[in-house]
């Protein structure tokens, strides 16, 4: 059982009935940065509602390389996990804690029950589908139409907006993994952006000067 105070990020989304039901039936989980919350091939019995922190949602190719699809923030849920739950199929994505996170886990049977019986829950699920679909379209457009240096700069400015901080504690390797390229390429492009006075490089730290 979850304390109602923990559900405050969702009170503007859900009516009192759903808040009460979440408090009675959901489970609170805490994950440290880098821990896997949902893995590829996993049978899903719960859907996550994110309380605190950020979660990266990624796909993996046949070589084991990962591609960042979108990032979940407080108040979000993962549309890809919703789809797998509704279809009773295994997960096709990997969700990883981008920082220490708190997640409310909703049992699959309750998700379906509330979708049929509660308007605020149904609206939330459908809106989540639309938001994540739009974000995946943006990811596809970025891959198809932007050069790597443009993708990198967009990634950095998105991180600034996501963390509300122009100082990013992130390594070149982490960026390379998110953008599905090599660390050498990222390091070269970061130096180029520094020469253009768009960023300032430090040890495992990047300060975005222009965004």
N, C-alpha and C. Protein backbone atom coordinates (compact mmCIF):
# COMPACT_ATOMS: atom_id res chain seq x y z
N UNK A 1 0.84 -1.20 0.00
CA UNK A 1 0.00 0.00 0.00
C UNK A 1 0.88 1.25 0.00
N UNK A 2 0.51 2.26 -0.77
CA UNK A 2 1.29 3.47 -0.92
C UNK A 2 0.62 4.63 -0.20
N UNK A 3 1.43 5.45 0.46
CA UNK A 3 0.91 6.64 1.10
C UNK A 3 0.41 7.61 0.03
N UNK A 4 -0.74 8.23 0.28
CA UNK A 4 -1.32 9.14 -0.71
C UNK A 4 -0.43 10.32 -1.02
N UNK A 5 0.39 10.74 -0.07
CA UNK A 5 1.27 11.89 -0.29
C UNK A 5 2.24 11.63 -1.44
N UNK A 6 2.59 10.35 -1.65
CA UNK A 6 3.53 10.02 -2.72
C UNK A 6 2.92 10.18 -4.11
N UNK A 7 1.61 10.28 -4.18
CA UNK A 7 0.93 10.29 -5.49
C UNK A 7 0.62 11.72 -5.94
N UNK A 8 1.14 12.70 -5.21
CA UNK A 8 0.82 14.10 -5.53
C UNK A 8 1.12 14.50 -6.99
N UNK A 9 2.23 14.00 -7.60
CA UNK A 9 2.47 14.38 -9.00
C UNK A 9 1.34 14.00 -9.95
N UNK A 10 0.47 13.07 -9.54
CA UNK A 10 -0.59 12.59 -10.42
C UNK A 10 -1.97 13.14 -10.06
N UNK A 11 -2.05 13.95 -9.00
CA UNK A 11 -3.36 14.39 -8.54
C UNK A 11 -4.07 15.32 -9.53
N UNK A 12 -3.29 16.02 -10.35
CA UNK A 12 -3.92 16.88 -11.35
C UNK A 12 -4.38 16.09 -12.57
N UNK A 13 -3.95 14.83 -12.67
CA UNK A 13 -4.33 13.98 -13.80
C UNK A 13 -5.52 13.08 -13.50
N UNK A 14 -5.60 12.59 -12.26
CA UNK A 14 -6.57 11.56 -11.92
C UNK A 14 -7.63 12.07 -10.96
N UNK A 15 -8.81 11.47 -11.03
CA UNK A 15 -9.85 11.81 -10.07
C UNK A 15 -9.60 11.09 -8.74
N UNK A 16 -10.29 11.46 -7.67
CA UNK A 16 -10.04 10.87 -6.35
C UNK A 16 -10.19 9.36 -6.31
N UNK A 17 -11.07 8.81 -7.12
CA UNK A 17 -11.28 7.36 -7.12
C UNK A 17 -10.01 6.62 -7.55
N UNK A 18 -9.37 7.10 -8.63
CA UNK A 18 -8.16 6.45 -9.11
C UNK A 18 -7.01 6.65 -8.12
N UNK A 19 -6.90 7.85 -7.55
CA UNK A 19 -5.87 8.09 -6.54
C UNK A 19 -6.01 7.09 -5.40
N UNK A 20 -7.24 6.88 -4.95
CA UNK A 20 -7.51 5.92 -3.87
C UNK A 20 -7.13 4.50 -4.30
N UNK A 21 -7.49 4.13 -5.51
CA UNK A 21 -7.18 2.78 -6.01
C UNK A 21 -5.67 2.56 -6.15
N UNK A 22 -4.95 3.58 -6.64
CA UNK A 22 -3.50 3.46 -6.77
C UNK A 22 -2.87 3.26 -5.39
N UNK A 23 -3.34 4.05 -4.42
CA UNK A 23 -2.80 3.96 -3.06
C UNK A 23 -3.01 2.56 -2.48
N UNK A 24 -4.11 1.90 -2.83
CA UNK A 24 -4.44 0.60 -2.26
C UNK A 24 -3.73 -0.55 -2.97
N UNK A 25 -3.52 -0.44 -4.28
CA UNK A 25 -3.11 -1.62 -5.05
C UNK A 25 -1.69 -1.56 -5.62
N UNK A 26 -1.11 -0.35 -5.75
CA UNK A 26 0.19 -0.23 -6.41
C UNK A 26 1.34 -0.50 -5.44
N UNK A 27 2.53 -0.67 -6.02
CA UNK A 27 3.75 -0.93 -5.25
C UNK A 27 4.78 0.15 -5.57
N UNK A 28 5.48 0.63 -4.55
CA UNK A 28 6.53 1.62 -4.76
C UNK A 28 7.88 0.92 -4.94
N UNK A 29 8.59 1.29 -6.01
CA UNK A 29 9.92 0.74 -6.28
C UNK A 29 10.93 1.88 -6.38
N UNK A 30 12.14 1.62 -5.90
CA UNK A 30 13.22 2.60 -5.99
C UNK A 30 14.38 1.97 -6.77
N UNK A 31 14.90 2.70 -7.76
CA UNK A 31 16.00 2.21 -8.59
C UNK A 31 17.14 3.23 -8.57
N UNK A 32 18.37 2.73 -8.55
CA UNK A 32 19.54 3.59 -8.61
C UNK A 32 19.91 3.86 -10.07
N UNK A 33 20.65 4.93 -10.29
CA UNK A 33 21.08 5.27 -11.64
C UNK A 33 21.76 4.09 -12.31
N UNK A 34 21.32 3.80 -13.55
CA UNK A 34 21.90 2.71 -14.32
C UNK A 34 21.18 1.38 -14.18
N UNK A 35 20.30 1.25 -13.19
CA UNK A 35 19.57 -0.01 -13.01
C UNK A 35 18.48 -0.16 -14.06
N UNK A 36 18.27 -1.40 -14.49
CA UNK A 36 17.24 -1.70 -15.49
C UNK A 36 15.89 -1.86 -14.80
N UNK A 37 14.90 -1.13 -15.28
CA UNK A 37 13.56 -1.19 -14.72
C UNK A 37 12.69 -2.15 -15.52
N UNK A 38 12.79 -2.06 -16.84
CA UNK A 38 12.12 -2.99 -17.75
C UNK A 38 13.16 -3.42 -18.78
N UNK A 39 13.23 -4.73 -19.07
CA UNK A 39 14.24 -5.20 -20.02
C UNK A 39 13.57 -5.83 -21.24
N UNK A 40 14.32 -5.88 -22.32
CA UNK A 40 13.84 -6.49 -23.57
C UNK A 40 13.58 -7.98 -23.34
N UNK A 41 12.43 -8.45 -23.80
CA UNK A 41 12.06 -9.85 -23.64
C UNK A 41 11.38 -10.17 -22.33
N UNK A 42 11.23 -9.19 -21.47
CA UNK A 42 10.61 -9.41 -20.15
C UNK A 42 9.09 -9.50 -20.26
N UNK A 43 8.50 -10.43 -19.54
CA UNK A 43 7.05 -10.49 -19.43
C UNK A 43 6.60 -9.44 -18.41
N UNK A 44 5.74 -8.55 -18.85
CA UNK A 44 5.35 -7.43 -18.00
C UNK A 44 4.09 -7.75 -17.20
N UNK A 45 4.16 -7.55 -15.90
CA UNK A 45 3.02 -7.74 -15.02
C UNK A 45 2.55 -6.42 -14.42
N UNK A 46 3.37 -5.37 -14.60
CA UNK A 46 3.06 -4.04 -14.06
C UNK A 46 3.40 -2.97 -15.09
N UNK A 47 2.76 -1.81 -14.98
CA UNK A 47 3.19 -0.65 -15.75
C UNK A 47 3.71 0.40 -14.78
N UNK A 48 4.75 1.13 -15.18
CA UNK A 48 5.37 2.10 -14.27
C UNK A 48 4.77 3.50 -14.40
N UNK A 49 4.56 4.15 -13.27
CA UNK A 49 4.27 5.58 -13.22
C UNK A 49 5.45 6.22 -12.49
N UNK A 50 6.09 7.18 -13.13
CA UNK A 50 7.32 7.74 -12.60
C UNK A 50 7.03 8.88 -11.61
N UNK A 51 7.50 8.72 -10.38
CA UNK A 51 7.33 9.74 -9.35
C UNK A 51 8.45 10.77 -9.38
N UNK A 52 9.70 10.28 -9.29
CA UNK A 52 10.87 11.16 -9.23
C UNK A 52 11.96 10.63 -10.15
N UNK A 53 12.73 11.56 -10.75
CA UNK A 53 13.86 11.17 -11.58
C UNK A 53 13.50 11.06 -13.05
N UNK A 54 14.44 10.57 -13.84
CA UNK A 54 14.26 10.38 -15.28
C UNK A 54 14.58 8.94 -15.66
N UNK A 55 13.88 8.44 -16.68
CA UNK A 55 14.11 7.08 -17.18
C UNK A 55 14.35 7.15 -18.68
N UNK A 56 15.43 6.52 -19.14
CA UNK A 56 15.70 6.43 -20.57
C UNK A 56 15.04 5.16 -21.13
N UNK A 57 14.34 5.32 -22.25
CA UNK A 57 13.70 4.19 -22.92
C UNK A 57 14.44 3.95 -24.23
N UNK A 58 14.94 2.71 -24.42
CA UNK A 58 15.83 2.42 -25.55
C UNK A 58 15.44 1.14 -26.27
N UNK A 59 15.85 1.09 -27.53
CA UNK A 59 15.77 -0.13 -28.33
C UNK A 59 17.18 -0.68 -28.50
N UNK A 60 17.27 -1.96 -28.85
CA UNK A 60 18.57 -2.60 -29.03
C UNK A 60 18.59 -3.31 -30.37
N UNK A 61 19.72 -3.18 -31.13
CA UNK A 61 19.82 -3.87 -32.41
C UNK A 61 20.42 -5.26 -32.22
N UNK A 62 20.64 -5.96 -33.34
CA UNK A 62 21.13 -7.34 -33.27
C UNK A 62 22.55 -7.44 -32.74
N UNK A 63 23.29 -6.32 -32.77
CA UNK A 63 24.66 -6.32 -32.27
C UNK A 63 24.74 -5.91 -30.80
N UNK A 64 23.59 -5.63 -30.20
CA UNK A 64 23.58 -5.22 -28.80
C UNK A 64 23.76 -3.73 -28.59
N UNK A 65 23.80 -2.95 -29.68
CA UNK A 65 23.91 -1.50 -29.56
C UNK A 65 22.54 -0.90 -29.29
N UNK A 66 22.51 0.15 -28.46
CA UNK A 66 21.24 0.74 -28.03
C UNK A 66 20.99 2.08 -28.71
N UNK A 67 19.72 2.39 -28.88
CA UNK A 67 19.30 3.68 -29.44
C UNK A 67 18.25 4.28 -28.51
N UNK A 68 18.49 5.52 -28.09
CA UNK A 68 17.56 6.21 -27.20
C UNK A 68 16.30 6.61 -27.97
N UNK A 69 15.14 6.20 -27.46
CA UNK A 69 13.86 6.56 -28.09
C UNK A 69 13.28 7.83 -27.48
N UNK A 70 13.20 7.86 -26.15
CA UNK A 70 12.69 9.03 -25.44
C UNK A 70 13.05 8.92 -23.96
N UNK A 71 12.82 10.00 -23.23
CA UNK A 71 13.11 10.04 -21.80
C UNK A 71 11.82 10.34 -21.04
N UNK A 72 11.56 9.57 -19.99
CA UNK A 72 10.39 9.78 -19.14
C UNK A 72 10.75 10.68 -17.98
N UNK A 73 9.83 11.58 -17.62
CA UNK A 73 10.01 12.48 -16.48
C UNK A 73 8.92 12.20 -15.45
N UNK A 74 9.01 12.88 -14.32
CA UNK A 74 8.01 12.72 -13.26
C UNK A 74 6.61 12.96 -13.80
N UNK A 75 5.69 12.04 -13.49
CA UNK A 75 4.32 12.13 -13.97
C UNK A 75 4.06 11.37 -15.25
N UNK A 76 5.13 10.76 -15.84
CA UNK A 76 5.00 10.03 -17.10
C UNK A 76 4.83 8.54 -16.86
N UNK A 77 4.36 7.87 -17.92
CA UNK A 77 4.41 6.42 -17.99
C UNK A 77 4.96 6.04 -19.35
N UNK A 78 5.30 4.78 -19.54
CA UNK A 78 5.93 4.33 -20.79
C UNK A 78 4.88 3.71 -21.71
N UNK A 79 4.65 4.37 -22.85
CA UNK A 79 3.63 3.88 -23.79
C UNK A 79 4.01 2.52 -24.37
N UNK A 80 5.30 2.27 -24.55
CA UNK A 80 5.72 0.98 -25.10
C UNK A 80 5.38 -0.16 -24.14
N UNK A 81 5.52 0.09 -22.84
CA UNK A 81 5.15 -0.95 -21.87
C UNK A 81 3.64 -1.11 -21.82
N UNK A 82 2.90 -0.02 -22.01
CA UNK A 82 1.44 -0.11 -22.06
C UNK A 82 1.00 -0.99 -23.22
N UNK A 83 1.63 -0.78 -24.37
CA UNK A 83 1.29 -1.56 -25.56
C UNK A 83 1.55 -3.04 -25.34
N UNK A 84 2.70 -3.37 -24.75
CA UNK A 84 3.03 -4.77 -24.49
C UNK A 84 2.05 -5.39 -23.49
N UNK A 85 1.67 -4.60 -22.48
CA UNK A 85 0.72 -5.11 -21.49
C UNK A 85 -0.63 -5.40 -22.12
N UNK A 86 -1.11 -4.47 -22.93
CA UNK A 86 -2.43 -4.64 -23.55
C UNK A 86 -2.43 -5.84 -24.51
N UNK A 87 -1.30 -6.04 -25.20
CA UNK A 87 -1.21 -7.14 -26.17
C UNK A 87 -0.74 -8.44 -25.54
N UNK A 88 -0.42 -8.39 -24.24
CA UNK A 88 0.10 -9.56 -23.51
C UNK A 88 1.35 -10.13 -24.18
N UNK A 89 2.22 -9.23 -24.68
CA UNK A 89 3.47 -9.65 -25.31
C UNK A 89 4.64 -9.22 -24.45
N UNK A 90 5.83 -9.74 -24.77
CA UNK A 90 7.02 -9.39 -24.00
C UNK A 90 7.49 -7.99 -24.38
N UNK A 91 8.29 -7.40 -23.51
CA UNK A 91 8.77 -6.04 -23.73
C UNK A 91 9.71 -5.97 -24.93
N UNK A 92 9.55 -4.93 -25.73
CA UNK A 92 10.43 -4.69 -26.88
C UNK A 92 11.38 -3.53 -26.63
N UNK A 93 11.38 -3.01 -25.42
CA UNK A 93 12.25 -1.88 -25.06
C UNK A 93 12.99 -2.17 -23.76
N UNK A 94 14.01 -1.35 -23.50
CA UNK A 94 14.71 -1.40 -22.22
C UNK A 94 14.55 -0.04 -21.56
N UNK A 95 14.10 -0.03 -20.31
CA UNK A 95 13.94 1.21 -19.56
C UNK A 95 14.99 1.22 -18.45
N UNK A 96 15.84 2.25 -18.43
CA UNK A 96 16.96 2.33 -17.50
C UNK A 96 16.88 3.63 -16.72
N UNK A 97 17.12 3.56 -15.42
CA UNK A 97 17.13 4.75 -14.58
C UNK A 97 18.27 5.67 -15.00
N UNK A 98 17.95 6.90 -15.43
CA UNK A 98 18.95 7.87 -15.84
C UNK A 98 19.54 8.58 -14.62
N UNK A 99 18.86 8.47 -13.50
CA UNK A 99 19.29 8.95 -12.18
C UNK A 99 18.49 8.14 -11.18
N UNK A 100 18.71 8.35 -9.90
CA UNK A 100 17.92 7.62 -8.90
C UNK A 100 16.44 7.96 -9.08
N UNK A 101 15.61 6.93 -9.15
CA UNK A 101 14.19 7.16 -9.44
C UNK A 101 13.28 6.41 -8.47
N UNK A 102 12.06 6.94 -8.32
CA UNK A 102 10.99 6.27 -7.60
C UNK A 102 9.86 6.02 -8.59
N UNK A 103 9.37 4.79 -8.60
CA UNK A 103 8.37 4.39 -9.58
C UNK A 103 7.20 3.70 -8.87
N UNK A 104 5.99 4.05 -9.26
CA UNK A 104 4.80 3.34 -8.80
C UNK A 104 4.47 2.26 -9.83
N UNK A 105 4.37 1.03 -9.38
CA UNK A 105 4.06 -0.08 -10.28
C UNK A 105 2.58 -0.44 -10.17
N UNK A 106 1.87 -0.31 -11.28
CA UNK A 106 0.43 -0.62 -11.34
C UNK A 106 0.23 -2.03 -11.88
N UNK A 107 -0.48 -2.90 -11.17
CA UNK A 107 -0.73 -4.26 -11.69
C UNK A 107 -1.47 -4.21 -13.02
N UNK A 108 -1.08 -5.12 -13.91
CA UNK A 108 -1.64 -5.15 -15.26
C UNK A 108 -3.16 -5.26 -15.25
N UNK A 109 -3.72 -6.12 -14.40
CA UNK A 109 -5.16 -6.31 -14.39
C UNK A 109 -5.89 -5.03 -13.98
N UNK A 110 -5.27 -4.24 -13.09
CA UNK A 110 -5.89 -2.98 -12.67
C UNK A 110 -5.83 -1.94 -13.78
N UNK A 111 -4.72 -1.93 -14.52
CA UNK A 111 -4.62 -1.00 -15.64
C UNK A 111 -5.76 -1.20 -16.63
N UNK A 112 -6.03 -2.46 -16.95
CA UNK A 112 -7.10 -2.77 -17.90
C UNK A 112 -8.47 -2.45 -17.31
N UNK A 113 -8.66 -2.82 -16.05
CA UNK A 113 -9.95 -2.57 -15.39
C UNK A 113 -10.26 -1.08 -15.36
N UNK A 114 -9.28 -0.26 -14.95
CA UNK A 114 -9.51 1.19 -14.85
C UNK A 114 -9.70 1.82 -16.23
N UNK A 115 -9.05 1.27 -17.24
CA UNK A 115 -9.21 1.81 -18.59
C UNK A 115 -10.67 1.70 -19.04
N UNK A 116 -11.32 0.63 -18.63
CA UNK A 116 -12.73 0.40 -19.02
C UNK A 116 -13.71 1.17 -18.15
N UNK A 117 -13.30 1.53 -16.94
CA UNK A 117 -14.29 2.06 -15.99
C UNK A 117 -14.05 3.50 -15.54
N UNK A 118 -12.88 4.08 -15.85
CA UNK A 118 -12.57 5.41 -15.32
C UNK A 118 -12.08 6.35 -16.42
N UNK A 119 -12.77 7.47 -16.58
CA UNK A 119 -12.46 8.41 -17.66
C UNK A 119 -11.09 9.06 -17.49
N UNK A 120 -10.74 9.47 -16.27
CA UNK A 120 -9.46 10.17 -16.08
C UNK A 120 -8.27 9.24 -16.36
N UNK A 121 -8.40 7.97 -15.98
CA UNK A 121 -7.34 7.00 -16.27
C UNK A 121 -7.25 6.74 -17.76
N UNK A 122 -8.40 6.58 -18.41
CA UNK A 122 -8.43 6.33 -19.86
C UNK A 122 -7.81 7.51 -20.62
N UNK A 123 -8.14 8.73 -20.21
CA UNK A 123 -7.58 9.92 -20.86
C UNK A 123 -6.06 9.96 -20.69
N UNK A 124 -5.59 9.60 -19.49
CA UNK A 124 -4.15 9.60 -19.22
C UNK A 124 -3.43 8.60 -20.10
N UNK A 125 -3.98 7.39 -20.24
CA UNK A 125 -3.36 6.35 -21.06
C UNK A 125 -3.31 6.79 -22.52
N UNK A 126 -4.40 7.30 -23.04
CA UNK A 126 -4.45 7.70 -24.45
C UNK A 126 -3.54 8.89 -24.72
N UNK A 127 -3.48 9.83 -23.78
CA UNK A 127 -2.58 10.97 -23.94
C UNK A 127 -1.13 10.52 -23.90
N UNK A 128 -0.82 9.55 -23.05
CA UNK A 128 0.54 9.03 -22.96
C UNK A 128 0.96 8.39 -24.28
N UNK A 129 0.04 7.62 -24.89
CA UNK A 129 0.32 7.05 -26.20
C UNK A 129 0.68 8.15 -27.20
N UNK A 130 -0.11 9.22 -27.24
CA UNK A 130 0.09 10.29 -28.21
C UNK A 130 1.42 11.00 -27.99
N UNK A 131 1.74 11.31 -26.74
CA UNK A 131 2.99 12.01 -26.42
C UNK A 131 4.20 11.17 -26.81
N UNK A 132 4.21 9.90 -26.43
CA UNK A 132 5.34 9.04 -26.75
C UNK A 132 5.44 8.79 -28.25
N UNK A 133 4.30 8.69 -28.94
CA UNK A 133 4.30 8.51 -30.39
C UNK A 133 4.95 9.72 -31.06
N UNK A 134 4.58 10.92 -30.61
CA UNK A 134 5.17 12.14 -31.16
C UNK A 134 6.68 12.18 -30.91
N UNK A 135 7.10 11.75 -29.72
CA UNK A 135 8.53 11.75 -29.40
C UNK A 135 9.29 10.76 -30.27
N UNK A 136 8.69 9.60 -30.55
CA UNK A 136 9.35 8.64 -31.42
C UNK A 136 9.43 9.14 -32.86
N UNK A 137 8.40 9.86 -33.31
CA UNK A 137 8.46 10.48 -34.64
C UNK A 137 9.60 11.50 -34.70
N UNK A 138 9.76 12.25 -33.63
CA UNK A 138 10.86 13.22 -33.57
C UNK A 138 12.21 12.51 -33.63
N UNK A 139 12.32 11.37 -32.95
CA UNK A 139 13.55 10.59 -32.99
C UNK A 139 13.83 10.09 -34.40
N UNK A 140 12.80 9.61 -35.08
CA UNK A 140 12.95 9.14 -36.46
C UNK A 140 13.37 10.28 -37.38
N UNK A 141 12.73 11.44 -37.22
CA UNK A 141 13.09 12.61 -38.04
C UNK A 141 14.53 13.02 -37.80
N UNK A 142 14.96 12.97 -36.54
CA UNK A 142 16.33 13.33 -36.20
C UNK A 142 17.33 12.40 -36.87
N UNK A 143 17.03 11.09 -36.83
CA UNK A 143 17.91 10.10 -37.45
C UNK A 143 17.95 10.26 -38.97
N UNK A 144 16.79 10.57 -39.56
CA UNK A 144 16.68 10.58 -41.02
C UNK A 144 17.18 11.88 -41.64
N UNK A 145 16.99 13.00 -40.96
CA UNK A 145 17.18 14.29 -41.62
C UNK A 145 18.27 15.18 -41.02
N UNK A 146 18.83 14.82 -39.86
CA UNK A 146 19.82 15.68 -39.23
C UNK A 146 21.21 15.05 -39.28
N UNK A 147 22.24 15.89 -39.48
CA UNK A 147 23.62 15.43 -39.40
C UNK A 147 23.96 15.10 -37.95
N UNK A 148 25.04 14.32 -37.76
CA UNK A 148 25.38 13.90 -36.41
C UNK A 148 25.69 15.08 -35.50
N UNK A 149 26.35 16.13 -36.03
CA UNK A 149 26.65 17.28 -35.19
C UNK A 149 25.37 18.00 -34.75
N UNK A 150 24.37 18.02 -35.64
CA UNK A 150 23.07 18.61 -35.29
C UNK A 150 22.34 17.76 -34.27
N UNK A 151 22.42 16.44 -34.44
CA UNK A 151 21.80 15.53 -33.48
C UNK A 151 22.43 15.68 -32.10
N UNK A 152 23.75 15.81 -32.08
CA UNK A 152 24.47 15.95 -30.81
C UNK A 152 24.06 17.24 -30.10
N UNK A 153 24.02 18.34 -30.83
CA UNK A 153 23.67 19.62 -30.22
C UNK A 153 22.22 19.60 -29.72
N UNK A 154 21.33 19.00 -30.48
CA UNK A 154 19.94 18.87 -30.05
C UNK A 154 19.86 18.00 -28.79
N UNK A 155 20.63 16.93 -28.75
CA UNK A 155 20.66 16.06 -27.57
C UNK A 155 21.09 16.83 -26.33
N UNK A 156 22.13 17.65 -26.47
CA UNK A 156 22.63 18.42 -25.33
C UNK A 156 21.61 19.44 -24.85
N UNK A 157 20.98 20.15 -25.78
CA UNK A 157 19.99 21.15 -25.38
C UNK A 157 18.74 20.48 -24.79
N UNK A 158 18.39 19.30 -25.28
CA UNK A 158 17.28 18.55 -24.68
C UNK A 158 17.61 18.15 -23.25
N UNK A 159 18.86 17.76 -23.01
CA UNK A 159 19.29 17.39 -21.67
C UNK A 159 19.23 18.59 -20.72
N UNK A 160 19.58 19.76 -21.22
CA UNK A 160 19.51 20.98 -20.42
C UNK A 160 18.06 21.23 -19.99
N UNK A 161 17.13 21.12 -20.93
CA UNK A 161 15.72 21.34 -20.63
C UNK A 161 15.20 20.27 -19.66
N UNK A 162 15.63 19.03 -19.86
CA UNK A 162 15.17 17.92 -19.03
C UNK A 162 15.63 18.07 -17.59
N UNK A 163 16.88 18.50 -17.41
CA UNK A 163 17.46 18.59 -16.07
C UNK A 163 17.38 19.99 -15.47
N UNK A 164 16.89 20.96 -16.26
CA UNK A 164 16.81 22.35 -15.81
C UNK A 164 18.17 22.84 -15.31
N UNK A 165 19.23 22.47 -16.05
CA UNK A 165 20.59 22.82 -15.64
C UNK A 165 21.48 22.83 -16.88
N UNK A 166 22.25 23.89 -17.05
CA UNK A 166 23.15 23.96 -18.21
C UNK A 166 24.42 23.15 -18.00
N UNK A 167 24.67 22.70 -16.77
CA UNK A 167 25.82 21.85 -16.47
C UNK A 167 25.40 20.39 -16.49
N UNK A 168 25.93 19.64 -17.42
CA UNK A 168 25.54 18.24 -17.60
C UNK A 168 26.66 17.33 -17.13
N UNK A 169 26.37 16.48 -16.14
CA UNK A 169 27.33 15.48 -15.67
C UNK A 169 27.15 14.22 -16.51
N UNK A 170 27.91 14.14 -17.59
CA UNK A 170 27.73 13.05 -18.55
C UNK A 170 29.04 12.79 -19.27
N UNK A 171 29.31 11.54 -19.58
CA UNK A 171 30.55 11.20 -20.28
C UNK A 171 30.33 11.12 -21.78
N UNK A 172 31.44 11.19 -22.53
CA UNK A 172 31.36 11.07 -23.98
C UNK A 172 30.80 9.70 -24.38
N UNK A 173 31.16 8.67 -23.60
CA UNK A 173 30.68 7.32 -23.89
C UNK A 173 29.17 7.21 -23.70
N UNK A 174 28.65 7.83 -22.67
CA UNK A 174 27.20 7.78 -22.42
C UNK A 174 26.44 8.46 -23.56
N UNK A 175 26.96 9.58 -24.04
CA UNK A 175 26.33 10.28 -25.16
C UNK A 175 26.38 9.40 -26.41
N UNK A 176 27.53 8.79 -26.65
CA UNK A 176 27.70 7.93 -27.83
C UNK A 176 26.69 6.78 -27.82
N UNK A 177 26.48 6.19 -26.65
CA UNK A 177 25.53 5.08 -26.54
C UNK A 177 24.10 5.56 -26.81
N UNK A 178 23.75 6.72 -26.30
CA UNK A 178 22.41 7.25 -26.52
C UNK A 178 22.17 7.60 -27.98
N UNK A 179 23.22 8.07 -28.67
CA UNK A 179 23.07 8.49 -30.06
C UNK A 179 23.48 7.40 -31.06
N UNK A 180 23.82 6.23 -30.53
CA UNK A 180 24.10 5.07 -31.39
C UNK A 180 25.28 5.35 -32.32
N UNK A 181 26.37 5.86 -31.76
CA UNK A 181 27.57 6.11 -32.54
C UNK A 181 28.77 5.82 -31.66
N UNK A 182 29.98 6.17 -32.13
CA UNK A 182 31.20 5.86 -31.36
C UNK A 182 31.62 7.03 -30.47
N UNK A 183 32.37 6.71 -29.43
CA UNK A 183 32.86 7.74 -28.52
C UNK A 183 33.81 8.69 -29.25
N UNK A 184 34.60 8.14 -30.19
CA UNK A 184 35.56 8.96 -30.94
C UNK A 184 34.83 10.05 -31.73
N UNK A 185 33.74 9.67 -32.36
CA UNK A 185 32.95 10.64 -33.14
C UNK A 185 32.39 11.72 -32.23
N UNK A 186 31.84 11.30 -31.09
CA UNK A 186 31.26 12.26 -30.15
C UNK A 186 32.31 13.21 -29.62
N UNK A 187 33.47 12.69 -29.25
CA UNK A 187 34.54 13.54 -28.73
C UNK A 187 34.97 14.58 -29.76
N UNK A 188 35.08 14.16 -31.00
CA UNK A 188 35.48 15.09 -32.06
C UNK A 188 34.44 16.19 -32.25
N UNK A 189 33.17 15.81 -32.26
CA UNK A 189 32.10 16.78 -32.48
C UNK A 189 31.94 17.71 -31.28
N UNK A 190 32.18 17.20 -30.07
CA UNK A 190 32.11 18.06 -28.89
C UNK A 190 33.20 19.13 -28.93
N UNK A 191 34.38 18.75 -29.38
CA UNK A 191 35.47 19.73 -29.51
C UNK A 191 35.10 20.79 -30.55
N UNK A 192 34.43 20.35 -31.60
CA UNK A 192 33.98 21.29 -32.63
C UNK A 192 32.97 22.28 -32.05
N UNK A 193 32.02 21.77 -31.25
CA UNK A 193 31.03 22.65 -30.61
C UNK A 193 31.68 23.60 -29.62
N UNK A 194 32.75 23.13 -28.96
CA UNK A 194 33.46 24.00 -28.02
C UNK A 194 34.16 25.13 -28.78
N UNK A 195 34.74 24.84 -29.94
CA UNK A 195 35.37 25.87 -30.76
C UNK A 195 34.36 26.91 -31.22
N UNK A 196 33.12 26.44 -31.43
CA UNK A 196 32.05 27.35 -31.86
C UNK A 196 31.45 28.10 -30.68
N UNK A 197 31.99 27.85 -29.48
CA UNK A 197 31.56 28.50 -28.23
C UNK A 197 30.10 28.22 -27.89
N UNK A 198 29.66 27.02 -28.26
CA UNK A 198 28.31 26.58 -27.89
C UNK A 198 28.33 25.79 -26.59
N UNK A 199 29.47 25.18 -26.29
CA UNK A 199 29.61 24.40 -25.06
C UNK A 199 30.99 24.64 -24.47
N UNK A 200 31.16 24.19 -23.23
CA UNK A 200 32.47 24.19 -22.56
C UNK A 200 32.68 22.81 -21.98
N UNK A 201 33.81 22.19 -22.28
CA UNK A 201 34.07 20.83 -21.86
C UNK A 201 34.87 20.79 -20.56
N UNK A 202 34.50 19.87 -19.66
CA UNK A 202 35.23 19.60 -18.44
C UNK A 202 35.39 18.11 -18.27
N UNK A 203 35.88 17.67 -17.13
CA UNK A 203 36.06 16.24 -16.89
C UNK A 203 34.71 15.63 -16.55
N UNK A 204 34.22 14.77 -17.46
CA UNK A 204 32.89 14.15 -17.31
C UNK A 204 31.80 15.20 -17.07
N UNK A 205 31.99 16.36 -17.67
CA UNK A 205 31.04 17.46 -17.49
C UNK A 205 31.01 18.31 -18.75
N UNK A 206 29.82 18.74 -19.14
CA UNK A 206 29.66 19.61 -20.29
C UNK A 206 28.75 20.77 -19.87
N UNK A 207 29.20 21.98 -20.12
CA UNK A 207 28.38 23.16 -19.86
C UNK A 207 27.89 23.70 -21.18
N UNK A 208 26.57 23.78 -21.34
CA UNK A 208 25.98 24.29 -22.58
C UNK A 208 25.85 25.80 -22.45
N UNK A 209 26.54 26.52 -23.33
CA UNK A 209 26.59 27.98 -23.26
C UNK A 209 25.52 28.63 -24.12
N UNK A 210 25.11 27.96 -25.18
CA UNK A 210 24.18 28.54 -26.14
C UNK A 210 23.09 27.51 -26.44
N UNK A 211 21.86 27.81 -26.08
CA UNK A 211 20.77 26.86 -26.37
C UNK A 211 19.46 27.61 -26.54
